[in-house]
C-alpha cells in the first residue's frame, strides 16, 4: 500500500481510503457501515468481479448500506472504461447477500454516442443493504 493514501476526518468517525480495494488490509479498516461505489466496479474486468464483490461483502457491517453507480451498454459497441455492468450482473454478484433496489436510471445515449455506442446507455444507481 505504499502508493495508497488514508485520510481521516477530524472527528475520526469517517475514514476515506484511496487505494485498490484488493490491496486494502482488512485489519486497517475493519468493517464498514457504508460504501459509495462510483467508478470501482465499472473498472473491474469481468473475470475479477466476483472476487471484488466477495471482498466488499466481507467488509460490510450488519447494518451497512452500499450505494452503487453502474453503466449499462452493449459491450459489442464499446469495450473500455467505464465497463458495462448490466443489472443481471449486479444481482448475480450481490443478490444472494444484499437486498437490491434500483434508485435511478438515466439515459446517457447522447453522451455515449461520442464513443461509438449506438443502441443504449444507462447510468444506474442502486442502494443495497443486508437482508
N, C-alpha and C. Protein backbone atom coordinates (compact mmCIF):
# COMPACT_ATOMS: atom_id res chain seq x y z
N UNK A 1 0.82 -1.20 0.00
CA UNK A 1 0.00 0.00 0.00
C UNK A 1 0.86 1.26 0.00
N UNK A 2 2.05 1.18 -0.46
CA UNK A 2 2.94 2.33 -0.39
C UNK A 2 2.42 3.51 -1.20
N UNK A 3 1.72 3.27 -2.30
CA UNK A 3 1.20 4.38 -3.09
C UNK A 3 -0.21 4.78 -2.66
N UNK A 4 -0.76 4.12 -1.66
CA UNK A 4 -2.11 4.42 -1.19
C UNK A 4 -2.08 5.53 -0.16
N UNK A 5 -3.21 6.20 -0.04
CA UNK A 5 -3.35 7.25 0.96
C UNK A 5 -4.55 6.94 1.82
N UNK A 6 -4.42 7.27 3.10
CA UNK A 6 -5.54 7.13 4.02
C UNK A 6 -5.78 8.49 4.62
N UNK A 7 -7.00 8.91 4.61
CA UNK A 7 -7.35 10.22 5.14
C UNK A 7 -8.48 10.05 6.13
N UNK A 8 -8.35 10.62 7.30
CA UNK A 8 -9.39 10.58 8.32
C UNK A 8 -9.95 11.98 8.52
N UNK A 9 -11.24 12.06 8.72
CA UNK A 9 -11.85 13.35 9.05
C UNK A 9 -11.42 13.74 10.46
N UNK A 10 -11.57 14.99 10.79
CA UNK A 10 -11.08 15.48 12.07
C UNK A 10 -11.72 14.81 13.28
N UNK A 11 -12.98 14.42 13.18
CA UNK A 11 -13.63 13.80 14.34
C UNK A 11 -13.34 12.31 14.43
N UNK A 12 -12.59 11.78 13.45
CA UNK A 12 -12.14 10.40 13.43
C UNK A 12 -13.27 9.38 13.30
N UNK A 13 -14.46 9.81 12.90
CA UNK A 13 -15.56 8.87 12.69
C UNK A 13 -15.62 8.39 11.25
N UNK A 14 -15.05 9.15 10.35
CA UNK A 14 -15.10 8.80 8.93
C UNK A 14 -13.67 8.63 8.42
N UNK A 15 -13.44 7.54 7.71
CA UNK A 15 -12.14 7.28 7.11
C UNK A 15 -12.34 7.10 5.61
N UNK A 16 -11.50 7.75 4.83
CA UNK A 16 -11.51 7.58 3.39
C UNK A 16 -10.26 6.82 3.00
N UNK A 17 -10.43 5.81 2.15
CA UNK A 17 -9.29 5.03 1.69
C UNK A 17 -9.13 5.27 0.21
N UNK A 18 -7.94 5.65 -0.18
CA UNK A 18 -7.62 5.89 -1.58
C UNK A 18 -6.58 4.86 -1.99
N UNK A 19 -7.07 3.70 -2.42
CA UNK A 19 -6.18 2.61 -2.80
C UNK A 19 -7.00 1.56 -3.53
N UNK A 20 -6.32 0.58 -4.06
CA UNK A 20 -7.03 -0.55 -4.64
C UNK A 20 -7.66 -1.35 -3.52
N UNK A 21 -8.93 -1.68 -3.66
CA UNK A 21 -9.61 -2.46 -2.63
C UNK A 21 -8.94 -3.83 -2.48
N UNK A 22 -8.32 -4.32 -3.52
CA UNK A 22 -7.63 -5.61 -3.45
C UNK A 22 -6.38 -5.53 -2.58
N UNK A 23 -5.84 -4.33 -2.40
CA UNK A 23 -4.63 -4.15 -1.58
C UNK A 23 -4.93 -3.68 -0.16
N UNK A 24 -6.17 -3.39 0.14
CA UNK A 24 -6.54 -2.84 1.45
C UNK A 24 -6.51 -3.92 2.52
N UNK A 25 -5.63 -3.79 3.51
CA UNK A 25 -5.60 -4.80 4.59
C UNK A 25 -6.88 -4.70 5.43
N UNK A 26 -7.53 -5.81 5.63
CA UNK A 26 -8.77 -5.85 6.41
C UNK A 26 -8.55 -5.27 7.80
N UNK A 27 -7.40 -5.51 8.39
CA UNK A 27 -7.10 -5.01 9.74
C UNK A 27 -7.07 -3.49 9.79
N UNK A 28 -6.85 -2.87 8.65
CA UNK A 28 -6.77 -1.41 8.60
C UNK A 28 -8.14 -0.75 8.67
N UNK A 29 -9.14 -1.39 8.08
CA UNK A 29 -10.45 -0.74 8.02
C UNK A 29 -11.51 -1.45 8.84
N UNK A 30 -11.29 -2.68 9.25
CA UNK A 30 -12.34 -3.39 9.99
C UNK A 30 -13.57 -3.55 9.13
N UNK A 31 -14.74 -3.38 9.72
CA UNK A 31 -15.97 -3.44 8.92
C UNK A 31 -16.40 -2.03 8.57
N UNK A 32 -17.15 -1.91 7.50
CA UNK A 32 -17.59 -0.59 7.04
C UNK A 32 -19.11 -0.49 7.11
N UNK A 33 -19.59 0.71 7.40
CA UNK A 33 -21.02 0.95 7.52
C UNK A 33 -21.64 1.43 6.23
N UNK A 34 -20.84 2.01 5.36
CA UNK A 34 -21.38 2.44 4.07
C UNK A 34 -20.29 2.38 3.00
N UNK A 35 -20.75 2.10 1.79
CA UNK A 35 -19.86 2.07 0.62
C UNK A 35 -20.51 2.95 -0.44
N UNK A 36 -19.73 3.84 -1.01
CA UNK A 36 -20.15 4.62 -2.16
C UNK A 36 -19.22 4.21 -3.30
N UNK A 37 -19.78 3.46 -4.23
CA UNK A 37 -19.00 2.90 -5.33
C UNK A 37 -19.42 3.57 -6.62
N UNK A 38 -18.68 4.59 -7.00
CA UNK A 38 -18.87 5.24 -8.28
C UNK A 38 -17.53 5.19 -8.99
N UNK A 39 -17.36 4.18 -9.79
CA UNK A 39 -16.14 4.07 -10.55
C UNK A 39 -15.27 2.87 -10.21
N UNK A 40 -15.64 2.12 -9.17
CA UNK A 40 -14.82 0.96 -8.82
C UNK A 40 -15.27 -0.29 -9.57
N UNK A 41 -16.50 -0.72 -9.35
CA UNK A 41 -16.98 -1.94 -10.01
C UNK A 41 -16.90 -1.81 -11.53
N UNK A 42 -17.20 -0.64 -12.07
CA UNK A 42 -17.16 -0.45 -13.52
C UNK A 42 -15.73 -0.43 -14.07
N UNK A 43 -14.73 -0.44 -13.19
CA UNK A 43 -13.33 -0.52 -13.61
C UNK A 43 -12.76 -1.92 -13.46
N UNK A 44 -13.53 -2.81 -12.86
CA UNK A 44 -13.07 -4.18 -12.62
C UNK A 44 -13.44 -5.04 -13.83
N UNK A 45 -12.46 -5.71 -14.39
CA UNK A 45 -12.74 -6.58 -15.54
C UNK A 45 -13.64 -7.74 -15.11
N UNK A 46 -14.52 -8.20 -15.99
CA UNK A 46 -15.49 -9.25 -15.63
C UNK A 46 -14.91 -10.46 -14.90
N UNK A 47 -13.73 -10.99 -15.28
CA UNK A 47 -13.22 -12.16 -14.54
C UNK A 47 -12.89 -11.87 -13.07
N UNK A 48 -12.69 -10.60 -12.71
CA UNK A 48 -12.34 -10.22 -11.34
C UNK A 48 -13.53 -9.73 -10.52
N UNK A 49 -14.69 -9.62 -11.13
CA UNK A 49 -15.84 -9.02 -10.43
C UNK A 49 -16.32 -9.83 -9.24
N UNK A 50 -16.32 -11.14 -9.36
CA UNK A 50 -16.76 -11.96 -8.22
C UNK A 50 -15.80 -11.78 -7.05
N UNK A 51 -14.51 -11.75 -7.33
CA UNK A 51 -13.52 -11.52 -6.28
C UNK A 51 -13.76 -10.16 -5.61
N UNK A 52 -14.02 -9.14 -6.43
CA UNK A 52 -14.31 -7.80 -5.91
C UNK A 52 -15.55 -7.83 -5.01
N UNK A 53 -16.63 -8.43 -5.50
CA UNK A 53 -17.88 -8.46 -4.75
C UNK A 53 -17.71 -9.20 -3.42
N UNK A 54 -17.03 -10.33 -3.44
CA UNK A 54 -16.82 -11.09 -2.20
C UNK A 54 -16.00 -10.29 -1.19
N UNK A 55 -15.01 -9.57 -1.69
CA UNK A 55 -14.21 -8.74 -0.80
C UNK A 55 -15.04 -7.62 -0.18
N UNK A 56 -15.78 -6.91 -1.00
CA UNK A 56 -16.62 -5.83 -0.47
C UNK A 56 -17.66 -6.38 0.51
N UNK A 57 -18.30 -7.48 0.16
CA UNK A 57 -19.29 -8.09 1.06
C UNK A 57 -18.67 -8.47 2.40
N UNK A 58 -17.42 -8.92 2.37
CA UNK A 58 -16.76 -9.33 3.61
C UNK A 58 -16.46 -8.14 4.53
N UNK A 59 -16.44 -6.95 3.98
CA UNK A 59 -16.13 -5.75 4.75
C UNK A 59 -17.38 -5.10 5.37
N UNK A 60 -18.56 -5.47 4.90
CA UNK A 60 -19.78 -4.79 5.33
C UNK A 60 -20.19 -5.17 6.76
N UNK A 61 -20.54 -4.16 7.54
CA UNK A 61 -21.09 -4.40 8.88
C UNK A 61 -22.54 -4.88 8.71
N UNK A 62 -23.15 -5.40 9.77
CA UNK A 62 -24.52 -5.92 9.65
C UNK A 62 -25.56 -4.90 9.16
N UNK A 63 -25.38 -3.63 9.46
CA UNK A 63 -26.35 -2.60 9.06
C UNK A 63 -25.84 -1.72 7.93
N UNK A 64 -24.86 -2.20 7.20
CA UNK A 64 -24.23 -1.39 6.16
C UNK A 64 -25.18 -1.10 5.00
N UNK A 65 -24.93 0.00 4.35
CA UNK A 65 -25.61 0.39 3.12
C UNK A 65 -24.54 0.54 2.05
N UNK A 66 -24.92 0.20 0.82
CA UNK A 66 -23.97 0.20 -0.30
C UNK A 66 -24.65 0.93 -1.45
N UNK A 67 -24.13 2.09 -1.82
CA UNK A 67 -24.64 2.86 -2.95
C UNK A 67 -23.73 2.57 -4.14
N UNK A 68 -24.30 2.00 -5.18
CA UNK A 68 -23.54 1.56 -6.35
C UNK A 68 -24.02 2.29 -7.59
N UNK A 69 -23.08 2.85 -8.34
CA UNK A 69 -23.38 3.50 -9.61
C UNK A 69 -22.73 2.68 -10.72
N UNK A 70 -23.54 2.28 -11.70
CA UNK A 70 -23.03 1.48 -12.82
C UNK A 70 -23.40 2.13 -14.14
N UNK A 71 -22.86 1.61 -15.20
CA UNK A 71 -23.32 1.93 -16.55
C UNK A 71 -23.67 0.63 -17.25
N UNK A 72 -24.63 0.71 -18.15
CA UNK A 72 -25.08 -0.47 -18.89
C UNK A 72 -25.21 -0.09 -20.35
N UNK A 73 -24.45 -0.77 -21.20
CA UNK A 73 -24.47 -0.55 -22.64
C UNK A 73 -24.05 -1.85 -23.32
N UNK A 74 -24.28 -2.00 -24.62
CA UNK A 74 -23.87 -3.23 -25.30
C UNK A 74 -22.34 -3.30 -25.40
N UNK A 75 -21.78 -4.36 -24.85
CA UNK A 75 -20.31 -4.49 -24.85
C UNK A 75 -19.75 -4.63 -26.27
N UNK A 76 -20.58 -5.02 -27.21
CA UNK A 76 -20.10 -5.12 -28.60
C UNK A 76 -19.79 -3.74 -29.17
N UNK A 77 -20.40 -2.70 -28.58
CA UNK A 77 -20.26 -1.36 -29.13
C UNK A 77 -19.15 -0.54 -28.45
N UNK A 78 -18.75 -0.94 -27.25
CA UNK A 78 -17.73 -0.18 -26.51
C UNK A 78 -17.12 -1.11 -25.47
N UNK A 79 -15.79 -1.16 -25.41
CA UNK A 79 -15.13 -2.11 -24.51
C UNK A 79 -14.03 -1.46 -23.68
N UNK A 80 -14.27 -0.23 -23.26
CA UNK A 80 -13.30 0.49 -22.45
C UNK A 80 -13.98 0.96 -21.17
N UNK A 81 -13.18 1.63 -20.30
CA UNK A 81 -13.75 2.20 -19.07
C UNK A 81 -14.69 3.34 -19.40
N UNK A 82 -15.76 3.45 -18.68
CA UNK A 82 -16.23 2.52 -17.66
C UNK A 82 -16.83 1.28 -18.33
N UNK A 83 -16.56 0.13 -17.75
CA UNK A 83 -17.06 -1.13 -18.30
C UNK A 83 -18.54 -1.30 -17.98
N UNK A 84 -19.26 -1.89 -18.90
CA UNK A 84 -20.68 -2.13 -18.70
C UNK A 84 -20.91 -3.16 -17.60
N UNK A 85 -21.84 -2.85 -16.70
CA UNK A 85 -22.26 -3.78 -15.64
C UNK A 85 -23.78 -3.85 -15.69
N UNK A 86 -24.33 -4.79 -16.45
CA UNK A 86 -25.78 -4.91 -16.56
C UNK A 86 -26.44 -5.29 -15.23
N UNK A 87 -27.73 -5.04 -15.14
CA UNK A 87 -28.50 -5.33 -13.92
C UNK A 87 -28.33 -6.78 -13.47
N UNK A 88 -28.36 -7.72 -14.41
CA UNK A 88 -28.26 -9.13 -14.02
C UNK A 88 -26.91 -9.44 -13.37
N UNK A 89 -25.86 -8.71 -13.74
CA UNK A 89 -24.56 -8.90 -13.11
C UNK A 89 -24.59 -8.37 -11.68
N UNK A 90 -25.21 -7.20 -11.48
CA UNK A 90 -25.35 -6.65 -10.12
C UNK A 90 -26.08 -7.66 -9.24
N UNK A 91 -27.18 -8.19 -9.74
CA UNK A 91 -27.97 -9.16 -8.96
C UNK A 91 -27.21 -10.47 -8.74
N UNK A 92 -26.45 -10.89 -9.73
CA UNK A 92 -25.66 -12.11 -9.58
C UNK A 92 -24.57 -11.94 -8.53
N UNK A 93 -23.92 -10.80 -8.53
CA UNK A 93 -22.82 -10.55 -7.60
C UNK A 93 -23.28 -10.31 -6.17
N UNK A 94 -24.39 -9.60 -6.01
CA UNK A 94 -24.78 -9.14 -4.68
C UNK A 94 -26.13 -9.65 -4.20
N UNK A 95 -26.96 -10.18 -5.10
CA UNK A 95 -28.33 -10.55 -4.75
C UNK A 95 -28.45 -11.66 -3.73
N UNK A 96 -27.45 -12.52 -3.61
CA UNK A 96 -27.50 -13.59 -2.62
C UNK A 96 -27.26 -13.10 -1.20
N UNK A 97 -26.70 -11.92 -1.05
CA UNK A 97 -26.35 -11.39 0.27
C UNK A 97 -27.03 -10.08 0.62
N UNK A 98 -27.43 -9.33 -0.40
CA UNK A 98 -27.98 -8.00 -0.16
C UNK A 98 -29.33 -7.82 -0.84
N UNK A 99 -30.17 -7.01 -0.23
CA UNK A 99 -31.38 -6.55 -0.91
C UNK A 99 -30.94 -5.44 -1.85
N UNK A 100 -31.47 -5.47 -3.06
CA UNK A 100 -31.05 -4.51 -4.08
C UNK A 100 -32.27 -3.73 -4.56
N UNK A 101 -32.14 -2.42 -4.56
CA UNK A 101 -33.20 -1.56 -5.08
C UNK A 101 -32.57 -0.56 -6.04
N UNK A 102 -33.11 -0.50 -7.26
CA UNK A 102 -32.62 0.49 -8.21
C UNK A 102 -33.28 1.82 -7.91
N UNK A 103 -32.47 2.85 -7.70
CA UNK A 103 -32.98 4.18 -7.38
C UNK A 103 -33.16 5.05 -8.61
N UNK A 104 -32.30 4.84 -9.60
CA UNK A 104 -32.29 5.75 -10.74
C UNK A 104 -31.75 5.04 -11.97
N UNK A 105 -32.26 5.45 -13.11
CA UNK A 105 -31.74 5.01 -14.39
C UNK A 105 -31.78 6.21 -15.32
N UNK A 106 -30.62 6.67 -15.75
CA UNK A 106 -30.52 7.87 -16.57
C UNK A 106 -30.03 7.49 -17.96
N UNK A 107 -30.78 7.91 -18.97
CA UNK A 107 -30.41 7.64 -20.35
C UNK A 107 -29.19 8.50 -20.71
N UNK A 108 -28.09 7.84 -21.02
CA UNK A 108 -26.84 8.52 -21.34
C UNK A 108 -26.43 8.33 -22.80
N UNK A 109 -27.38 7.91 -23.65
CA UNK A 109 -27.04 7.56 -25.03
C UNK A 109 -26.43 8.73 -25.80
N UNK A 110 -26.98 9.91 -25.66
CA UNK A 110 -26.44 11.05 -26.42
C UNK A 110 -24.96 11.25 -26.12
N UNK A 111 -24.58 11.17 -24.86
CA UNK A 111 -23.17 11.29 -24.48
C UNK A 111 -22.37 10.10 -24.99
N UNK A 112 -22.94 8.90 -24.85
CA UNK A 112 -22.23 7.68 -25.24
C UNK A 112 -22.02 7.57 -26.74
N UNK A 113 -22.85 8.23 -27.53
CA UNK A 113 -22.68 8.20 -28.99
C UNK A 113 -21.31 8.73 -29.40
N UNK A 114 -20.76 9.64 -28.63
CA UNK A 114 -19.43 10.18 -28.92
C UNK A 114 -18.36 9.11 -28.88
N UNK A 115 -18.65 8.01 -28.19
CA UNK A 115 -17.69 6.93 -28.02
C UNK A 115 -18.06 5.70 -28.84
N UNK A 116 -19.04 5.84 -29.73
CA UNK A 116 -19.40 4.75 -30.62
C UNK A 116 -20.55 3.88 -30.16
N UNK A 117 -21.13 4.17 -29.00
CA UNK A 117 -22.29 3.41 -28.54
C UNK A 117 -23.50 3.90 -29.33
N UNK A 118 -24.25 2.98 -29.91
CA UNK A 118 -25.36 3.36 -30.79
C UNK A 118 -26.73 2.95 -30.25
N UNK A 119 -26.80 1.87 -29.49
CA UNK A 119 -28.09 1.27 -29.12
C UNK A 119 -28.69 1.87 -27.86
N UNK A 120 -27.96 1.77 -26.76
CA UNK A 120 -28.45 2.28 -25.48
C UNK A 120 -27.28 2.46 -24.53
N UNK A 121 -27.48 3.32 -23.57
CA UNK A 121 -26.50 3.50 -22.50
C UNK A 121 -27.23 4.14 -21.32
N UNK A 122 -27.18 3.47 -20.19
CA UNK A 122 -27.83 3.97 -18.98
C UNK A 122 -26.83 4.01 -17.83
N UNK A 123 -26.87 5.08 -17.08
CA UNK A 123 -26.19 5.12 -15.80
C UNK A 123 -27.24 4.76 -14.77
N UNK A 124 -26.92 3.80 -13.91
CA UNK A 124 -27.89 3.30 -12.94
C UNK A 124 -27.34 3.42 -11.53
N UNK A 125 -28.24 3.72 -10.61
CA UNK A 125 -27.87 3.85 -9.20
C UNK A 125 -28.68 2.83 -8.41
N UNK A 126 -27.97 2.04 -7.60
CA UNK A 126 -28.59 1.03 -6.75
C UNK A 126 -28.26 1.32 -5.29
N UNK A 127 -29.21 1.04 -4.42
CA UNK A 127 -28.95 1.03 -2.99
C UNK A 127 -29.09 -0.43 -2.54
N UNK A 128 -28.12 -0.88 -1.77
CA UNK A 128 -28.13 -2.27 -1.33
C UNK A 128 -27.90 -2.33 0.17
N UNK A 129 -28.52 -3.31 0.80
CA UNK A 129 -28.37 -3.50 2.24
C UNK A 129 -28.53 -4.97 2.57
N UNK A 130 -27.97 -5.37 3.69
CA UNK A 130 -28.10 -6.76 4.11
C UNK A 130 -29.56 -7.06 4.42
N UNK A 131 -29.94 -8.31 4.14
CA UNK A 131 -31.34 -8.71 4.33
C UNK A 131 -31.67 -8.89 5.79
